[in-house]
């Protein structure tokens, strides 16, 4: 699909403040600083659509972007490490889970995972929470440009093997790089 238009619509501090659920939504979620905003900017071809930062925890609200005037791409706060107080991190978690549990028009949650890291407990816990709650999901392994392709593939295999200890079938996954503009390819 070609993205012809992308524009910021609203930032909400609670799921009830999101736009009316009249069109499909696709959400990006992942650990703080995994590259959610960078990936949004890359796939929409708009450098500053989503605000990026080197400081974990920059995204603190539910951000809606209207794509092609007929669906929303949603940037959610990161989970796990963020340069904010633990009580604020807990608020992010409640905000994300409240959004995911209550949006009737949510079509899929894309869980972004840093391809350079061994499987992280909070990634696995979040993916398992989505599965336990029957939420459609796909995994996007990010930052593939930061290491050699064989290291990315090896790390993805390790992640798959760990996840398959909990899942019967591996969810759909993609490998991408926002910096190299490597569009996600389904794996």
Foldseek 3Di string as FASTA:
>chain_A
DQFPDKAWDDWALALVPDPDLPAAEEEEEEAFPLQPQLVVCLRNVNRPRDDDDPFGFPDQTWIWMQTPVGYTYIYAHYADDGPDDPVSNVSSVVRVVNNQLPRPRYQEYEYEAALQDADDPVSLVVVVVCVVVVGHYEYEHEDCVVDDVVSSVVRVVNVQVVSVVPDVDHHWYWYAYSVVSRPTDID
